[in-house]
Amino acid sequence: MPYADPLSSQEIEARLSALPGWTVSDDGTTLRRTYRLPHLPAAIFALHIAGIQADLNHHSDLTLGYDTLAVALTTHAAGRRLTQKDFDLATRITSIASGHGAR
């Protein structure tokens, strides 16, 4: 059984509509969002995301900037394609963002 099946373009678009602020890369392989918040709260937000990733056994690339936290999701085990796992993680991240003051 595969780790996760890649989603079709139509499935990606349908799921993306439920995630305001998130975008898909031009090649359709990465789900992205950059949050704005001060540096220390961004670092704490990144730690919270890391805990969620551990719970879901699915991990993103997090890039901590001066006043940003950028999140990039893809499923490497599915040939670097987007899967339901990416959208599940994005949904969880979205649900905690406001509690960290992220916008």
Protein backbone atom coordinates (compact mmCIF):
# COMPACT_ATOMS: atom_id res chain seq x y z
CA MET A 1 0.00 0.00 0.00
CA PRO A 2 1.48 3.40 -0.97
CA TYR A 3 2.19 6.03 1.65
CA ALA A 4 -0.32 8.34 -0.08
CA ASP A 5 -1.79 8.64 -3.56
CA PRO A 6 -1.12 11.81 -5.58
CA LEU A 7 -4.12 14.07 -6.11
CA SER A 8 -5.36 15.13 -9.52
CA SER A 9 -5.32 18.81 -10.54
CA GLN A 10 -9.07 18.98 -9.95
CA GLU A 11 -8.74 17.46 -6.47
CA ILE A 12 -5.96 19.92 -5.63
CA GLU A 13 -8.04 22.91 -6.75
CA ALA A 14 -11.06 21.73 -4.75
CA ARG A 15 -9.02 21.30 -1.58
CA LEU A 16 -7.13 24.56 -2.10
CA SER A 17 -10.39 26.52 -2.10
CA ALA A 18 -10.84 25.57 1.57
CA LEU A 19 -7.42 26.99 2.53
CA PRO A 20 -7.34 30.78 2.15
CA GLY A 21 -3.85 32.18 1.78
CA TRP A 22 -2.31 28.92 0.57
CA THR A 23 -1.06 28.56 -3.00
CA VAL A 24 0.21 25.76 -5.21
CA SER A 25 3.51 26.09 -7.05
CA ASP A 26 3.40 26.56 -10.82
CA ASP A 27 4.47 22.94 -11.36
CA GLY A 28 1.71 21.71 -9.03
CA THR A 29 4.04 19.88 -6.65
CA THR A 30 4.16 22.14 -3.59
CA LEU A 31 1.54 23.70 -1.32
CA ARG A 32 2.83 26.96 0.20
CA ARG A 33 1.96 29.69 2.64
CA THR A 34 4.01 32.46 4.22
CA TYR A 35 2.81 33.76 7.56
CA ARG A 36 3.78 37.17 8.92
CA LEU A 37 4.54 37.55 12.61
CA PRO A 38 7.47 38.69 14.76
CA HIS A 39 10.56 36.49 14.84
CA LEU A 40 10.22 34.90 18.31
CA PRO A 41 6.49 34.09 17.93
CA ALA A 42 7.31 32.68 14.47
CA ALA A 43 9.86 30.35 16.04
CA ILE A 44 7.30 29.20 18.61
CA PHE A 45 4.75 28.69 15.82
CA ALA A 46 7.34 26.56 13.98
CA LEU A 47 7.77 24.38 17.07
CA HIS A 48 4.00 23.93 17.33
CA ILE A 49 3.92 22.90 13.65
CA ALA A 50 6.76 20.44 14.28
CA GLY A 51 4.64 18.73 16.95
CA ILE A 52 1.68 18.43 14.58
CA GLN A 53 3.98 17.00 11.92
CA ALA A 54 5.18 14.36 14.35
CA ASP A 55 1.56 13.45 15.17
CA LEU A 56 0.67 13.13 11.47
CA ASN A 57 3.99 11.51 10.50
CA HIS A 58 4.18 14.01 7.65
CA HIS A 59 6.68 16.85 7.50
CA SER A 60 7.02 20.19 5.75
CA ASP A 61 9.86 22.54 4.98
CA LEU A 62 9.76 25.48 7.37
CA THR A 63 11.76 28.64 6.68
CA LEU A 64 12.05 31.10 9.54
CA GLY A 65 12.68 34.69 8.47
CA TYR A 66 12.96 38.03 10.21
CA ASP A 67 9.20 38.47 10.45
CA THR A 68 7.91 35.45 8.54
CA LEU A 69 7.45 31.72 8.69
CA ALA A 70 7.20 30.07 5.27
CA VAL A 71 5.68 26.60 5.01
CA ALA A 72 6.14 24.35 1.97
CA LEU A 73 4.39 20.97 1.73
CA THR A 74 4.84 18.08 -0.68
CA THR A 75 4.81 14.30 -0.32
CA HIS A 76 8.24 13.00 -1.23
CA ALA A 77 7.08 9.38 -0.91
CA ALA A 78 4.50 10.02 -3.65
CA GLY A 79 7.10 11.23 -6.13
CA ARG A 80 7.13 14.82 -4.81
CA ARG A 81 3.44 15.26 -5.57
CA LEU A 82 0.61 16.68 -3.51
CA THR A 83 -1.51 14.22 -1.54
CA GLN A 84 -4.29 14.39 1.03
CA LYS A 85 -1.57 14.31 3.70
CA ASP A 86 -0.35 17.74 2.56
CA PHE A 87 -3.83 19.21 2.78
CA ASP A 88 -4.45 17.60 6.17
CA LEU A 89 -1.27 19.19 7.51
CA ALA A 90 -2.10 22.57 5.93
CA THR A 91 -5.54 22.46 7.53
CA ARG A 92 -4.04 21.76 10.95
CA ILE A 93 -1.50 24.57 10.52
CA THR A 94 -4.25 26.97 9.48
CA SER A 95 -6.29 26.04 12.56
CA ILE A 96 -3.50 27.11 14.96
CA ALA A 97 -2.10 30.12 13.07
CA SER A 98 -4.33 32.80 14.58
CA GLY A 99 -3.51 31.58 18.09
CA HIS A 100 0.11 32.49 17.36
CA GLY A 101 -0.80 35.88 15.94
CA ALA A 102 0.11 34.78 12.41
CA ARG A 103 -1.50 36.51 9.49
